[in-house]
Amino acid sequence: MKNYLLDRAREASTWRGLILIAASIGVPIAPQLAEAIVAAGLGLAGLVGVLVADR
């Protein structure tokens, strides 16, 4: 199980998914900052896509 989780943690899609989940959780917590939270989440997800190599 440990190896499975470590393998998933090395994948760009896992990081993008975690960032997008965090952004979606942040919107209800701070609705007045919804646009900024979504923009930051999408920007970080895009950055992960650029910086992390596909396998």
PDB file of N, CA and C in Angstrom:
ATOM      1  N   MET A   1       0.828  -1.190   0.000  1.00  0.00           N
ATOM      2  CA  MET A   1       0.000   0.000   0.000  1.00  0.00           C
ATOM      3  C   MET A   1       0.874   1.257   0.000  1.00  0.00           C
ATOM      4  N   LYS A   2       1.971   1.188   0.759  1.00  0.00           N
ATOM      5  CA  LYS A   2       2.877   2.340   0.828  1.00  0.00           C
ATOM      6  C   LYS A   2       3.443   2.658  -0.557  1.00  0.00           C
ATOM      7  N   ASN A   3       3.887   1.627  -1.280  1.00  0.00           N
ATOM      8  CA  ASN A   3       4.447   1.827  -2.620  1.00  0.00           C
ATOM      9  C   ASN A   3       3.407   2.403  -3.572  1.00  0.00           C
ATOM     10  N   TYR A   4       2.164   1.946  -3.455  1.00  0.00           N
ATOM     11  CA  TYR A   4       1.095   2.463  -4.297  1.00  0.00           C
ATOM     12  C   TYR A   4       0.911   3.960  -4.050  1.00  0.00           C
ATOM     13  N   LEU A   5       0.839   4.361  -2.787  1.00  0.00           N
ATOM     14  CA  LEU A   5       0.650   5.773  -2.451  1.00  0.00           C
ATOM     15  C   LEU A   5       1.839   6.621  -2.894  1.00  0.00           C
ATOM     16  N   LEU A   6       3.044   6.092  -2.736  1.00  0.00           N
ATOM     17  CA  LEU A   6       4.220   6.837  -3.176  1.00  0.00           C
ATOM     18  C   LEU A   6       4.242   6.988  -4.691  1.00  0.00           C
ATOM     19  N   ASP A   7       3.844   5.944  -5.398  1.00  0.00           N
ATOM     20  CA  ASP A   7       3.773   6.032  -6.863  1.00  0.00           C
ATOM     21  C   ASP A   7       2.752   7.077  -7.292  1.00  0.00           C
ATOM     22  N   ARG A   8       1.590   7.111  -6.643  1.00  0.00           N
ATOM     23  CA  ARG A   8       0.571   8.102  -6.987  1.00  0.00           C
ATOM     24  C   ARG A   8       1.048   9.521  -6.643  1.00  0.00           C
ATOM     25  N   ALA A   9       1.808   9.665  -5.575  1.00  0.00           N
ATOM     26  CA  ALA A   9       2.289  10.988  -5.166  1.00  0.00           C
ATOM     27  C   ALA A   9       3.296  11.563  -6.157  1.00  0.00           C
ATOM     28  N   ARG A  10       3.879  10.727  -6.983  1.00  0.00           N
ATOM     29  CA  ARG A  10       4.851  11.189  -7.974  1.00  0.00           C
ATOM     30  C   ARG A  10       4.196  11.607  -9.288  1.00  0.00           C
ATOM     31  N   GLU A  11       2.894  11.433  -9.400  1.00  0.00           N
ATOM     32  CA  GLU A  11       2.193  11.744 -10.639  1.00  0.00           C
ATOM     33  C   GLU A  11       1.645  13.163 -10.624  1.00  0.00           C
ATOM     34  N   ALA A  12       1.783  13.841 -11.744  1.00  0.00           N
ATOM     35  CA  ALA A  12       1.300  15.218 -11.853  1.00  0.00           C
ATOM     36  C   ALA A  12      -0.211  15.292 -11.654  1.00  0.00           C
ATOM     37  N   SER A  13      -0.922  14.290 -12.133  1.00  0.00           N
ATOM     38  CA  SER A  13      -2.380  14.317 -12.013  1.00  0.00           C
ATOM     39  C   SER A  13      -2.825  14.286 -10.550  1.00  0.00           C
ATOM     40  N   THR A  14      -2.067  13.617  -9.698  1.00  0.00           N
ATOM     41  CA  THR A  14      -2.390  13.591  -8.276  1.00  0.00           C
ATOM     42  C   THR A  14      -2.257  14.979  -7.681  1.00  0.00           C
ATOM     43  N   TRP A  15      -1.170  15.663  -7.996  1.00  0.00           N
ATOM     44  CA  TRP A  15      -0.958  17.018  -7.473  1.00  0.00           C
ATOM     45  C   TRP A  15      -2.014  17.978  -7.985  1.00  0.00           C
ATOM     46  N   ARG A  16      -2.336  17.887  -9.279  1.00  0.00           N
ATOM     47  CA  ARG A  16      -3.389  18.750  -9.835  1.00  0.00           C
ATOM     48  C   ARG A  16      -4.714  18.478  -9.137  1.00  0.00           C
ATOM     49  N   GLY A  17      -5.030  17.222  -8.937  1.00  0.00           N
ATOM     50  CA  GLY A  17      -6.281  16.867  -8.263  1.00  0.00           C
ATOM     51  C   GLY A  17      -6.347  17.404  -6.852  1.00  0.00           C
ATOM     52  N   LEU A  18      -5.253  17.269  -6.094  1.00  0.00           N
ATOM     53  CA  LEU A  18      -5.225  17.775  -4.723  1.00  0.00           C
ATOM     54  C   LEU A  18      -5.376  19.295  -4.682  1.00  0.00           C
ATOM     55  N   ILE A  19      -4.720  19.988  -5.610  1.00  0.00           N
ATOM     56  CA  ILE A  19      -4.831  21.444  -5.665  1.00  0.00           C
ATOM     57  C   ILE A  19      -6.264  21.856  -5.980  1.00  0.00           C
ATOM     58  N   LEU A  20      -6.886  21.194  -6.943  1.00  0.00           N
ATOM     59  CA  LEU A  20      -8.251  21.547  -7.322  1.00  0.00           C
ATOM     60  C   LEU A  20      -9.249  21.213  -6.215  1.00  0.00           C
ATOM     61  N   ILE A  21      -9.028  20.122  -5.496  1.00  0.00           N
ATOM     62  CA  ILE A  21      -9.882  19.794  -4.345  1.00  0.00           C
ATOM     63  C   ILE A  21      -9.735  20.864  -3.269  1.00  0.00           C
ATOM     64  N   ALA A  22      -8.502  21.265  -2.980  1.00  0.00           N
ATOM     65  CA  ALA A  22      -8.277  22.303  -1.966  1.00  0.00           C
ATOM     66  C   ALA A  22      -8.946  23.614  -2.367  1.00  0.00           C
ATOM     67  N   ALA A  23      -8.871  23.957  -3.649  1.00  0.00           N
ATOM     68  CA  ALA A  23      -9.519  25.186  -4.114  1.00  0.00           C
ATOM     69  C   ALA A  23     -11.033  25.076  -3.976  1.00  0.00           C
ATOM     70  N   SER A  24     -11.590  23.922  -4.297  1.00  0.00           N
ATOM     71  CA  SER A  24     -13.041  23.772  -4.192  1.00  0.00           C
ATOM     72  C   SER A  24     -13.504  23.796  -2.739  1.00  0.00           C
ATOM     73  N   ILE A  25     -12.667  23.362  -1.828  1.00  0.00           N
ATOM     74  CA  ILE A  25     -13.001  23.430  -0.400  1.00  0.00           C
ATOM     75  C   ILE A  25     -12.861  24.866   0.105  1.00  0.00           C
ATOM     76  N   GLY A  26     -11.911  25.606  -0.437  1.00  0.00           N
ATOM     77  CA  GLY A  26     -11.676  26.977   0.009  1.00  0.00           C
ATOM     78  C   GLY A  26     -12.779  27.944  -0.367  1.00  0.00           C
ATOM     79  N   VAL A  27     -13.491  27.680  -1.454  1.00  0.00           N
ATOM     80  CA  VAL A  27     -14.550  28.600  -1.897  1.00  0.00           C
ATOM     81  C   VAL A  27     -15.674  28.718  -0.859  1.00  0.00           C
ATOM     82  N   PRO A  28     -16.216  27.604  -0.332  1.00  0.00           N
ATOM     83  CA  PRO A  28     -17.268  27.767   0.683  1.00  0.00           C
ATOM     84  C   PRO A  28     -16.749  28.368   1.994  1.00  0.00           C
ATOM     85  N   ILE A  29     -15.491  28.161   2.300  1.00  0.00           N
ATOM     86  CA  ILE A  29     -14.926  28.696   3.539  1.00  0.00           C
ATOM     87  C   ILE A  29     -14.804  30.210   3.469  1.00  0.00           C
ATOM     88  N   ALA A  30     -14.417  30.728   2.306  1.00  0.00           N
ATOM     89  CA  ALA A  30     -14.255  32.174   2.122  1.00  0.00           C
ATOM     90  C   ALA A  30     -14.944  32.596   0.826  1.00  0.00           C
ATOM     91  N   PRO A  31     -16.292  32.647   0.838  1.00  0.00           N
ATOM     92  CA  PRO A  31     -17.012  32.930  -0.405  1.00  0.00           C
ATOM     93  C   PRO A  31     -16.681  34.296  -1.014  1.00  0.00           C
ATOM     94  N   GLN A  32     -16.288  35.265  -0.195  1.00  0.00           N
ATOM     95  CA  GLN A  32     -15.938  36.587  -0.723  1.00  0.00           C
ATOM     96  C   GLN A  32     -14.647  36.541  -1.537  1.00  0.00           C
ATOM     97  N   LEU A  33     -13.863  35.495  -1.372  1.00  0.00           N
ATOM     98  CA  LEU A  33     -12.617  35.338  -2.117  1.00  0.00           C
ATOM     99  C   LEU A  33     -12.717  34.251  -3.181  1.00  0.00           C
ATOM    100  N   ALA A  34     -13.922  33.859  -3.543  1.00  0.00           N
ATOM    101  CA  ALA A  34     -14.134  32.727  -4.447  1.00  0.00           C
ATOM    102  C   ALA A  34     -13.368  32.880  -5.756  1.00  0.00           C
ATOM    103  N   GLU A  35     -13.457  34.036  -6.384  1.00  0.00           N
ATOM    104  CA  GLU A  35     -12.772  34.215  -7.666  1.00  0.00           C
ATOM    105  C   GLU A  35     -11.261  34.091  -7.518  1.00  0.00           C
ATOM    106  N   ALA A  36     -10.714  34.663  -6.466  1.00  0.00           N
ATOM    107  CA  ALA A  36      -9.272  34.590  -6.235  1.00  0.00           C
ATOM    108  C   ALA A  36      -8.833  33.159  -5.925  1.00  0.00           C
ATOM    109  N   ILE A  37      -9.638  32.441  -5.158  1.00  0.00           N
ATOM    110  CA  ILE A  37      -9.305  31.057  -4.812  1.00  0.00           C
ATOM    111  C   ILE A  37      -9.320  30.180  -6.064  1.00  0.00           C
ATOM    112  N   VAL A  38     -10.339  30.339  -6.889  1.00  0.00           N
ATOM    113  CA  VAL A  38     -10.431  29.546  -8.119  1.00  0.00           C
ATOM    114  C   VAL A  38      -9.277  29.887  -9.050  1.00  0.00           C
ATOM    115  N   ALA A  39      -8.975  31.167  -9.189  1.00  0.00           N
ATOM    116  CA  ALA A  39      -7.872  31.573 -10.069  1.00  0.00           C
ATOM    117  C   ALA A  39      -6.539  31.017  -9.563  1.00  0.00           C
ATOM    118  N   ALA A  40      -6.314  31.090  -8.271  1.00  0.00           N
ATOM    119  CA  ALA A  40      -5.066  30.571  -7.704  1.00  0.00           C
ATOM    120  C   ALA A  40      -4.984  29.055  -7.883  1.00  0.00           C
ATOM    121  N   GLY A  41      -6.085  28.358  -7.648  1.00  0.00           N
ATOM    122  CA  GLY A  41      -6.100  26.904  -7.818  1.00  0.00           C
ATOM    123  C   GLY A  41      -5.821  26.493  -9.243  1.00  0.00           C
ATOM    124  N   LEU A  42      -6.450  27.172 -10.194  1.00  0.00           N
ATOM    125  CA  LEU A  42      -6.209  26.856 -11.599  1.00  0.00           C
ATOM    126  C   LEU A  42      -4.777  27.195 -12.006  1.00  0.00           C
ATOM    127  N   GLY A  43      -4.269  28.302 -11.487  1.00  0.00           N
ATOM    128  CA  GLY A  43      -2.888  28.673 -11.794  1.00  0.00           C
ATOM    129  C   GLY A  43      -1.895  27.658 -11.255  1.00  0.00           C
ATOM    130  N   LEU A  44      -2.106  27.210 -10.023  1.00  0.00           N
ATOM    131  CA  LEU A  44      -1.215  26.203  -9.441  1.00  0.00           C
ATOM    132  C   LEU A  44      -1.322  24.872 -10.186  1.00  0.00           C
ATOM    133  N   ALA A  45      -2.534  24.486 -10.553  1.00  0.00           N
ATOM    134  CA  ALA A  45      -2.715  23.240 -11.298  1.00  0.00           C
ATOM    135  C   ALA A  45      -1.999  23.319 -12.647  1.00  0.00           C
ATOM    136  N   GLY A  46      -2.080  24.467 -13.293  1.00  0.00           N
ATOM    137  CA  GLY A  46      -1.364  24.654 -14.557  1.00  0.00           C
ATOM    138  C   GLY A  46       0.139  24.618 -14.370  1.00  0.00           C
ATOM    139  N   LEU A  47       0.611  25.213 -13.292  1.00  0.00           N
ATOM    140  CA  LEU A  47       2.044  25.220 -13.008  1.00  0.00           C
ATOM    141  C   LEU A  47       2.562  23.802 -12.781  1.00  0.00           C
ATOM    142  N   VAL A  48       1.794  23.010 -12.064  1.00  0.00           N
ATOM    143  CA  VAL A  48       2.174  21.603 -11.858  1.00  0.00           C
ATOM    144  C   VAL A  48       2.255  20.899 -13.206  1.00  0.00           C
ATOM    145  N   GLY A  49       1.301  21.174 -14.070  1.00  0.00           N
ATOM    146  CA  GLY A  49       1.309  20.553 -15.392  1.00  0.00           C
ATOM    147  C   GLY A  49       2.544  20.920 -16.201  1.00  0.00           C
ATOM    148  N   VAL A  50       3.041  22.118 -16.005  1.00  0.00           N
ATOM    149  CA  VAL A  50       4.220  22.576 -16.747  1.00  0.00           C
ATOM    150  C   VAL A  50       5.508  22.027 -16.128  1.00  0.00           C
ATOM    151  N   LEU A  51       5.586  22.005 -14.809  1.00  0.00           N
ATOM    152  CA  LEU A  51       6.834  21.653 -14.132  1.00  0.00           C
ATOM    153  C   LEU A  51       7.057  20.164 -13.909  1.00  0.00           C
ATOM    154  N   VAL A  52       5.992  19.393 -13.786  1.00  0.00           N
ATOM    155  CA  VAL A  52       6.140  17.960 -13.483  1.00  0.00           C
ATOM    156  C   VAL A  52       6.086  17.177 -14.792  1.00  0.00           C
ATOM    157  N   ALA A  53       7.112  16.401 -15.010  1.00  0.00           N
ATOM    158  CA  ALA A  53       7.203  15.614 -16.249  1.00  0.00           C
ATOM    159  C   ALA A  53       6.218  14.461 -16.232  1.00  0.00           C
ATOM    160  N   ASP A  54       5.656  14.173 -17.408  1.00  0.00           N
ATOM    161  CA  ASP A  54       4.781  13.007 -17.554  1.00  0.00           C
ATOM    162  C   ASP A  54       5.642  11.755 -17.642  1.00  0.00           C
ATOM    163  N   ARG A  55       5.089  10.660 -17.136  1.00  0.00           N
ATOM    164  CA  ARG A  55       5.811   9.392 -17.225  1.00  0.00           C
ATOM    165  C   ARG A  55       5.174   8.502 -18.227  1.00  0.00           C
TER     166      ARG A  55
END
